[in-house]
Amino acid sequence: MKQITSTLVAVALVLGSMPLAGAVDCQSLIEQINAQRNFLLRKEMVEEAAKQCPDNPVLIFKYAFSLERFNKPEEALKYYQKAAALDPGMAQAYFGQGDIYNHLQRYEEAIAAYNKGLEIDPTNVRAIKCRIKAEEQLKTDK
């Protein structure tokens, strides 16, 4: 209980130091989030930052990634899609979609998402391996 209380106090302090919606410096929020090493604090920070900067593809991607890590794949997918719509050149947003589609066993969509990301970043080894696994799984399931 003491650990939870101290974590909540820390979250409140961090969030209290974040700018209000009218004066948001999204880049500063990204830097604060990147510097945060506490997993739970980082989750709270990125969620709040995504609300404050709803059109910032980096923050939206970070929020999607956080949702994925906290096992909320359907919600994460929406935010990966939003990040890709905000920045069509963000390969990682497509790879995130591919990962979620794989998790949901929607292999054709996973392959399409990986292919879209690989058009942008053709040397991403992890994405290539994940696409191959999705292709193999698709063949197995048919």
N, C-alpha and C. Protein backbone atom coordinates (compact mmCIF):
# COMPACT_ATOMS: atom_id res chain seq x y z
N MET A 1 0.83 -1.19 0.00
CA MET A 1 0.00 0.00 0.00
C MET A 1 0.87 1.25 0.00
N LYS A 2 1.95 1.21 0.76
CA LYS A 2 2.86 2.36 0.84
C LYS A 2 3.48 2.64 -0.53
N GLN A 3 3.85 1.57 -1.26
CA GLN A 3 4.43 1.72 -2.60
C GLN A 3 3.42 2.35 -3.55
N ILE A 4 2.16 1.91 -3.49
CA ILE A 4 1.12 2.45 -4.37
C ILE A 4 0.91 3.93 -4.07
N THR A 5 0.85 4.29 -2.77
CA THR A 5 0.65 5.68 -2.39
C THR A 5 1.80 6.55 -2.88
N SER A 6 3.03 6.10 -2.72
CA SER A 6 4.17 6.90 -3.17
C SER A 6 4.19 7.01 -4.69
N THR A 7 3.76 5.96 -5.38
CA THR A 7 3.68 6.03 -6.84
C THR A 7 2.62 7.03 -7.27
N LEU A 8 1.47 7.01 -6.62
CA LEU A 8 0.41 7.95 -6.96
C LEU A 8 0.83 9.39 -6.69
N VAL A 9 1.54 9.62 -5.61
CA VAL A 9 2.04 10.97 -5.31
C VAL A 9 3.03 11.41 -6.39
N ALA A 10 3.90 10.51 -6.80
CA ALA A 10 4.87 10.84 -7.85
C ALA A 10 4.17 11.14 -9.16
N VAL A 11 3.12 10.36 -9.50
CA VAL A 11 2.36 10.62 -10.73
C VAL A 11 1.73 12.00 -10.66
N ALA A 12 1.14 12.33 -9.53
CA ALA A 12 0.49 13.63 -9.38
C ALA A 12 1.51 14.76 -9.52
N LEU A 13 2.69 14.59 -8.97
CA LEU A 13 3.73 15.62 -9.10
C LEU A 13 4.17 15.79 -10.54
N VAL A 14 4.38 14.67 -11.23
CA VAL A 14 4.82 14.74 -12.63
C VAL A 14 3.74 15.36 -13.49
N LEU A 15 2.50 14.88 -13.33
CA LEU A 15 1.41 15.40 -14.14
C LEU A 15 1.14 16.86 -13.81
N GLY A 16 1.30 17.23 -12.56
CA GLY A 16 1.11 18.62 -12.17
C GLY A 16 2.14 19.55 -12.78
N SER A 17 3.30 19.02 -13.12
CA SER A 17 4.35 19.84 -13.74
C SER A 17 4.20 19.92 -15.25
N MET A 18 3.26 19.14 -15.81
CA MET A 18 3.05 19.18 -17.25
C MET A 18 2.22 20.41 -17.59
N PRO A 19 2.46 21.01 -18.76
CA PRO A 19 1.75 22.21 -19.13
C PRO A 19 0.26 21.97 -19.34
N LEU A 20 -0.51 23.04 -19.17
CA LEU A 20 -1.95 22.96 -19.42
C LEU A 20 -2.21 22.96 -20.91
N ALA A 21 -3.41 22.55 -21.31
CA ALA A 21 -3.74 22.35 -22.72
C ALA A 21 -3.47 23.56 -23.59
N GLY A 22 -3.68 24.78 -23.08
CA GLY A 22 -3.47 25.97 -23.90
C GLY A 22 -2.01 26.26 -24.19
N ALA A 23 -1.13 25.74 -23.37
CA ALA A 23 0.29 26.07 -23.50
C ALA A 23 1.14 24.82 -23.63
N VAL A 24 0.69 23.89 -24.42
CA VAL A 24 1.36 22.59 -24.51
C VAL A 24 2.60 22.68 -25.39
N ASP A 25 3.70 22.18 -24.87
CA ASP A 25 4.93 22.01 -25.63
C ASP A 25 5.12 20.50 -25.79
N CYS A 26 4.62 19.99 -26.90
CA CYS A 26 4.61 18.54 -27.11
C CYS A 26 6.01 17.95 -27.11
N GLN A 27 6.97 18.66 -27.67
CA GLN A 27 8.34 18.16 -27.70
C GLN A 27 8.90 18.02 -26.28
N SER A 28 8.57 18.98 -25.44
CA SER A 28 9.01 18.91 -24.04
C SER A 28 8.39 17.71 -23.35
N LEU A 29 7.12 17.42 -23.64
CA LEU A 29 6.47 16.25 -23.06
C LEU A 29 7.16 14.97 -23.52
N ILE A 30 7.51 14.90 -24.79
CA ILE A 30 8.22 13.73 -25.32
C ILE A 30 9.53 13.53 -24.57
N GLU A 31 10.26 14.62 -24.36
CA GLU A 31 11.55 14.53 -23.65
C GLU A 31 11.35 14.09 -22.20
N GLN A 32 10.30 14.60 -21.54
CA GLN A 32 10.02 14.19 -20.15
C GLN A 32 9.68 12.70 -20.09
N ILE A 33 8.88 12.25 -21.03
CA ILE A 33 8.49 10.84 -21.08
C ILE A 33 9.70 9.96 -21.34
N ASN A 34 10.53 10.36 -22.29
CA ASN A 34 11.73 9.58 -22.61
C ASN A 34 12.68 9.49 -21.42
N ALA A 35 12.70 10.50 -20.58
CA ALA A 35 13.60 10.52 -19.42
C ALA A 35 13.05 9.70 -18.25
N GLN A 36 11.77 9.44 -18.26
CA GLN A 36 11.13 8.72 -17.14
C GLN A 36 11.44 7.22 -17.22
N ARG A 37 11.97 6.68 -16.16
CA ARG A 37 12.33 5.26 -16.13
C ARG A 37 11.31 4.41 -15.39
N ASN A 38 10.48 5.03 -14.57
CA ASN A 38 9.45 4.29 -13.85
C ASN A 38 8.33 3.94 -14.83
N PHE A 39 8.09 2.66 -15.01
CA PHE A 39 7.15 2.15 -16.00
C PHE A 39 5.74 2.70 -15.79
N LEU A 40 5.27 2.70 -14.54
CA LEU A 40 3.91 3.17 -14.26
C LEU A 40 3.79 4.68 -14.42
N LEU A 41 4.80 5.41 -13.99
CA LEU A 41 4.79 6.86 -14.18
C LEU A 41 4.80 7.20 -15.66
N ARG A 42 5.61 6.48 -16.38
CA ARG A 42 5.70 6.72 -17.83
C ARG A 42 4.35 6.47 -18.51
N LYS A 43 3.66 5.42 -18.10
CA LYS A 43 2.34 5.11 -18.65
C LYS A 43 1.38 6.28 -18.41
N GLU A 44 1.35 6.78 -17.19
CA GLU A 44 0.46 7.90 -16.86
C GLU A 44 0.85 9.16 -17.64
N MET A 45 2.13 9.40 -17.75
CA MET A 45 2.61 10.58 -18.47
C MET A 45 2.23 10.54 -19.94
N VAL A 46 2.43 9.39 -20.56
CA VAL A 46 2.15 9.28 -21.99
C VAL A 46 0.64 9.37 -22.26
N GLU A 47 -0.16 8.84 -21.36
CA GLU A 47 -1.60 8.94 -21.52
C GLU A 47 -2.05 10.40 -21.46
N GLU A 48 -1.55 11.12 -20.49
CA GLU A 48 -1.89 12.54 -20.35
C GLU A 48 -1.35 13.35 -21.53
N ALA A 49 -0.15 13.06 -21.94
CA ALA A 49 0.46 13.79 -23.07
C ALA A 49 -0.33 13.56 -24.36
N ALA A 50 -0.83 12.35 -24.56
CA ALA A 50 -1.63 12.05 -25.77
C ALA A 50 -2.92 12.86 -25.76
N LYS A 51 -3.47 13.11 -24.58
CA LYS A 51 -4.67 13.95 -24.47
C LYS A 51 -4.33 15.41 -24.77
N GLN A 52 -3.18 15.84 -24.31
CA GLN A 52 -2.79 17.24 -24.49
C GLN A 52 -2.31 17.52 -25.91
N CYS A 53 -1.79 16.53 -26.59
CA CYS A 53 -1.24 16.69 -27.94
C CYS A 53 -1.85 15.63 -28.86
N PRO A 54 -3.16 15.69 -29.10
CA PRO A 54 -3.82 14.63 -29.85
C PRO A 54 -3.43 14.54 -31.32
N ASP A 55 -2.73 15.54 -31.82
CA ASP A 55 -2.30 15.52 -33.23
C ASP A 55 -0.80 15.33 -33.38
N ASN A 56 -0.14 14.91 -32.31
CA ASN A 56 1.29 14.67 -32.36
C ASN A 56 1.53 13.18 -32.60
N PRO A 57 2.02 12.79 -33.78
CA PRO A 57 2.14 11.36 -34.09
C PRO A 57 3.10 10.61 -33.16
N VAL A 58 4.13 11.28 -32.67
CA VAL A 58 5.08 10.60 -31.78
C VAL A 58 4.41 10.25 -30.46
N LEU A 59 3.67 11.20 -29.89
CA LEU A 59 2.99 10.94 -28.63
C LEU A 59 1.86 9.92 -28.80
N ILE A 60 1.16 10.00 -29.91
CA ILE A 60 0.09 9.04 -30.17
C ILE A 60 0.70 7.64 -30.33
N PHE A 61 1.84 7.54 -31.01
CA PHE A 61 2.53 6.25 -31.14
C PHE A 61 2.95 5.73 -29.77
N LYS A 62 3.53 6.60 -28.95
CA LYS A 62 3.96 6.18 -27.62
C LYS A 62 2.78 5.69 -26.79
N TYR A 63 1.64 6.34 -26.94
CA TYR A 63 0.45 5.92 -26.21
C TYR A 63 -0.01 4.55 -26.71
N ALA A 64 -0.01 4.35 -28.02
CA ALA A 64 -0.38 3.05 -28.58
C ALA A 64 0.55 1.95 -28.05
N PHE A 65 1.84 2.24 -28.03
CA PHE A 65 2.82 1.27 -27.54
C PHE A 65 2.55 0.93 -26.07
N SER A 66 2.23 1.96 -25.29
CA SER A 66 1.91 1.75 -23.88
C SER A 66 0.67 0.87 -23.72
N LEU A 67 -0.36 1.17 -24.50
CA LEU A 67 -1.58 0.35 -24.45
C LEU A 67 -1.28 -1.09 -24.82
N GLU A 68 -0.44 -1.28 -25.82
CA GLU A 68 -0.06 -2.64 -26.22
C GLU A 68 0.64 -3.36 -25.07
N ARG A 69 1.54 -2.67 -24.41
CA ARG A 69 2.29 -3.29 -23.30
C ARG A 69 1.38 -3.63 -22.13
N PHE A 70 0.29 -2.87 -21.97
CA PHE A 70 -0.66 -3.15 -20.89
C PHE A 70 -1.82 -4.02 -21.37
N ASN A 71 -1.58 -4.76 -22.46
CA ASN A 71 -2.50 -5.77 -22.98
C ASN A 71 -3.88 -5.21 -23.33
N LYS A 72 -3.87 -4.11 -24.06
CA LYS A 72 -5.11 -3.53 -24.57
C LYS A 72 -4.98 -3.40 -26.09
N PRO A 73 -4.94 -4.57 -26.79
CA PRO A 73 -4.60 -4.56 -28.21
C PRO A 73 -5.57 -3.80 -29.10
N GLU A 74 -6.87 -3.93 -28.85
CA GLU A 74 -7.83 -3.24 -29.73
C GLU A 74 -7.68 -1.73 -29.63
N GLU A 75 -7.51 -1.25 -28.41
CA GLU A 75 -7.34 0.19 -28.20
C GLU A 75 -5.99 0.64 -28.77
N ALA A 76 -4.96 -0.16 -28.58
CA ALA A 76 -3.64 0.17 -29.11
C ALA A 76 -3.69 0.28 -30.63
N LEU A 77 -4.41 -0.63 -31.27
CA LEU A 77 -4.53 -0.62 -32.73
C LEU A 77 -5.09 0.71 -33.22
N LYS A 78 -6.11 1.21 -32.56
CA LYS A 78 -6.71 2.50 -32.96
C LYS A 78 -5.67 3.62 -32.94
N TYR A 79 -4.84 3.60 -31.92
CA TYR A 79 -3.84 4.67 -31.79
C TYR A 79 -2.66 4.47 -32.75
N TYR A 80 -2.29 3.22 -33.03
CA TYR A 80 -1.28 3.00 -34.06
C TYR A 80 -1.80 3.49 -35.41
N GLN A 81 -3.07 3.22 -35.68
CA GLN A 81 -3.66 3.69 -36.94
C GLN A 81 -3.70 5.22 -36.99
N LYS A 82 -4.02 5.84 -35.87
CA LYS A 82 -4.04 7.30 -35.81
C LYS A 82 -2.64 7.88 -36.03
N ALA A 83 -1.64 7.27 -35.41
CA ALA A 83 -0.25 7.74 -35.58
C ALA A 83 0.15 7.65 -37.05
N ALA A 84 -0.21 6.56 -37.70
CA ALA A 84 0.12 6.39 -39.12
C ALA A 84 -0.63 7.41 -39.97
N ALA A 85 -1.86 7.72 -39.62
CA ALA A 85 -2.63 8.72 -40.37
C ALA A 85 -2.02 10.12 -40.19
N LEU A 86 -1.54 10.40 -38.98
CA LEU A 86 -0.92 11.70 -38.70
C LEU A 86 0.44 11.84 -39.38
N ASP A 87 1.17 10.72 -39.46
CA ASP A 87 2.48 10.72 -40.09
C ASP A 87 2.62 9.45 -40.92
N PRO A 88 2.19 9.50 -42.19
CA PRO A 88 2.26 8.30 -43.04
C PRO A 88 3.67 7.77 -43.26
N GLY A 89 4.67 8.54 -42.90
CA GLY A 89 6.06 8.09 -43.04
C GLY A 89 6.60 7.42 -41.79
N MET A 90 5.76 7.20 -40.78
CA MET A 90 6.21 6.58 -39.53
C MET A 90 6.08 5.06 -39.65
N ALA A 91 7.16 4.43 -40.05
CA ALA A 91 7.16 2.98 -40.24
C ALA A 91 6.77 2.25 -38.96
N GLN A 92 7.22 2.72 -37.82
CA GLN A 92 6.94 2.04 -36.55
C GLN A 92 5.44 1.93 -36.27
N ALA A 93 4.67 2.92 -36.74
CA ALA A 93 3.22 2.86 -36.53
C ALA A 93 2.61 1.69 -37.30
N TYR A 94 3.13 1.43 -38.49
CA TYR A 94 2.66 0.28 -39.27
C TYR A 94 3.12 -1.03 -38.66
N PHE A 95 4.36 -1.05 -38.16
CA PHE A 95 4.87 -2.26 -37.51
C PHE A 95 4.05 -2.56 -36.25
N GLY A 96 3.68 -1.52 -35.51
CA GLY A 96 2.83 -1.71 -34.34
C GLY A 96 1.49 -2.32 -34.72
N GLN A 97 0.92 -1.81 -35.82
CA GLN A 97 -0.33 -2.39 -36.30
C GLN A 97 -0.14 -3.86 -36.64
N GLY A 98 0.95 -4.16 -37.33
CA GLY A 98 1.23 -5.55 -37.68
C GLY A 98 1.33 -6.44 -36.46
N ASP A 99 1.99 -5.95 -35.43
CA ASP A 99 2.12 -6.72 -34.19
C ASP A 99 0.75 -7.01 -33.57
N ILE A 100 -0.10 -5.99 -33.57
CA ILE A 100 -1.44 -6.17 -32.99
C ILE A 100 -2.25 -7.15 -33.83
N TYR A 101 -2.23 -6.95 -35.15
CA TYR A 101 -2.97 -7.88 -36.02
C TYR A 101 -2.47 -9.31 -35.82
N ASN A 102 -1.17 -9.49 -35.68
CA ASN A 102 -0.63 -10.83 -35.40
C ASN A 102 -1.22 -11.38 -34.11
N HIS A 103 -1.21 -10.56 -33.09
CA HIS A 103 -1.75 -10.96 -31.78
C HIS A 103 -3.22 -11.36 -31.89
N LEU A 104 -3.96 -10.64 -32.73
CA LEU A 104 -5.38 -10.91 -32.92
C LEU A 104 -5.64 -12.01 -33.95
N GLN A 105 -4.56 -12.61 -34.47
CA GLN A 105 -4.62 -13.67 -35.48
C GLN A 105 -5.31 -13.19 -36.76
N ARG A 106 -5.09 -11.95 -37.10
CA ARG A 106 -5.59 -11.37 -38.35
C ARG A 106 -4.37 -11.22 -39.27
N TYR A 107 -3.93 -12.36 -39.78
CA TYR A 107 -2.63 -12.44 -40.43
C TYR A 107 -2.55 -11.68 -41.75
N GLU A 108 -3.60 -11.68 -42.54
CA GLU A 108 -3.56 -10.93 -43.80
C GLU A 108 -3.37 -9.44 -43.53
N GLU A 109 -4.07 -8.93 -42.52
CA GLU A 109 -3.92 -7.53 -42.16
C GLU A 109 -2.53 -7.26 -41.58
N ALA A 110 -2.00 -8.22 -40.83
CA ALA A 110 -0.65 -8.07 -40.28
C ALA A 110 0.37 -7.96 -41.40
N ILE A 111 0.25 -8.84 -42.38
CA ILE A 111 1.19 -8.82 -43.52
C ILE A 111 1.10 -7.49 -44.26
N ALA A 112 -0.12 -7.01 -44.47
CA ALA A 112 -0.30 -5.73 -45.17
C ALA A 112 0.32 -4.58 -44.38
N ALA A 113 0.15 -4.59 -43.07
CA ALA A 113 0.72 -3.53 -42.23
C ALA A 113 2.25 -3.60 -42.25
N TYR A 114 2.80 -4.79 -42.10
CA TYR A 114 4.26 -4.92 -42.17
C TYR A 114 4.79 -4.47 -43.53
N ASN A 115 4.09 -4.84 -44.59
CA ASN A 115 4.53 -4.44 -45.94
C ASN A 115 4.54 -2.93 -46.08
N LYS A 116 3.50 -2.27 -45.54
CA LYS A 116 3.43 -0.80 -45.61
C LYS A 116 4.61 -0.18 -44.86
N GLY A 117 4.89 -0.70 -43.68
CA GLY A 117 6.02 -0.20 -42.91
C GLY A 117 7.35 -0.48 -43.58
N LEU A 118 7.45 -1.65 -44.21
CA LEU A 118 8.71 -2.02 -44.88
C LEU A 118 8.93 -1.22 -46.17
N GLU A 119 7.88 -0.65 -46.74
CA GLU A 119 8.07 0.28 -47.85
C GLU A 119 8.84 1.51 -47.39
N ILE A 120 8.64 1.88 -46.14
CA ILE A 120 9.29 3.06 -45.55
C ILE A 120 10.66 2.71 -44.98
N ASP A 121 10.73 1.58 -44.30
CA ASP A 121 11.96 1.14 -43.64
C ASP A 121 12.24 -0.31 -44.05
N PRO A 122 12.78 -0.50 -45.27
CA PRO A 122 12.92 -1.85 -45.81
C PRO A 122 13.97 -2.72 -45.13
N THR A 123 14.79 -2.16 -44.26
CA THR A 123 15.84 -2.97 -43.63
C THR A 123 15.50 -3.33 -42.18
N ASN A 124 14.28 -3.10 -41.75
CA ASN A 124 13.90 -3.42 -40.38
C ASN A 124 13.79 -4.94 -40.22
N VAL A 125 14.79 -5.51 -39.62
CA VAL A 125 14.90 -6.97 -39.51
C VAL A 125 13.77 -7.56 -38.69
N ARG A 126 13.41 -6.91 -37.59
CA ARG A 126 12.34 -7.43 -36.76
C ARG A 126 11.03 -7.50 -37.54
N ALA A 127 10.72 -6.44 -38.29
CA ALA A 127 9.48 -6.41 -39.07
C ALA A 127 9.49 -7.49 -40.16
N ILE A 128 10.64 -7.68 -40.77
CA ILE A 128 10.75 -8.72 -41.80
C ILE A 128 10.47 -10.09 -41.19
N LYS A 129 11.07 -10.37 -40.04
CA LYS A 129 10.85 -11.66 -39.37
C LYS A 129 9.40 -11.83 -38.95
N CYS A 130 8.79 -10.76 -38.45
CA CYS A 130 7.38 -10.84 -38.03
C CYS A 130 6.47 -11.07 -39.23
N ARG A 131 6.78 -10.42 -40.34
CA ARG A 131 5.97 -10.63 -41.55
C ARG A 131 6.08 -12.08 -42.02
N ILE A 132 7.29 -12.62 -42.01
CA ILE A 132 7.49 -14.02 -42.41
C ILE A 132 6.69 -14.96 -41.50
N LYS A 133 6.70 -14.70 -40.19
CA LYS A 133 5.93 -15.53 -39.26
C LYS A 133 4.44 -15.43 -39.56
N ALA A 134 3.97 -14.22 -39.87
CA ALA A 134 2.55 -14.03 -40.20
C ALA A 134 2.20 -14.79 -41.48
N GLU A 135 3.10 -14.76 -42.47
CA GLU A 135 2.87 -15.48 -43.72
C GLU A 135 2.81 -16.98 -43.47
N GLU A 136 3.71 -17.47 -42.63
CA GLU A 136 3.71 -18.90 -42.31
C GLU A 136 2.44 -19.29 -41.56
N GLN A 137 2.01 -18.45 -40.63
CA GLN A 137 0.81 -18.71 -39.87
C GLN A 137 -0.43 -18.71 -40.75
N LEU A 138 -0.45 -17.80 -41.71
CA LEU A 138 -1.57 -17.71 -42.65
C LEU A 138 -1.67 -18.99 -43.47
N LYS A 139 -0.52 -19.51 -43.92
CA LYS A 139 -0.52 -20.76 -44.69
C LYS A 139 -0.98 -21.92 -43.83
N THR A 140 -0.57 -21.93 -42.58
CA THR A 140 -0.94 -23.01 -41.66
C THR A 140 -2.44 -23.01 -41.38
N ASP A 141 -2.99 -21.82 -41.27
CA ASP A 141 -4.41 -21.68 -40.91
C ASP A 141 -5.34 -21.98 -42.08
N LYS A 142 -4.83 -21.94 -43.30
CA LYS A 142 -5.70 -22.17 -44.47
C LYS A 142 -5.87 -23.63 -44.79
